[in-house]
């Protein structure tokens, strides 16, 4: 059962954003895994503009900019470590 009235931690929000961008899990599966509502998942998706459903419920495109930003961040962190 989803937790009503609880705020999500930054870590939970990042995990959901990761699951939206990097997996093919449907919203209901992510909501069940993260113990929250489907509408919470969709709110995070809208906030970060990760998946574009284009008026479909079961077909989506992941914004390529999300993956490019993550790759850039990883490259930056590696260069900082060296």
Foldseek 3Di string as FASTA:
>chain_A
DADPPDDDDPVLLVVLLCCLQPHLDALVVSCVVSRHDSVVSVVSCVVVVAWDQPPHRRDTDGPVVVVVVVVVVVVVVVVVVD
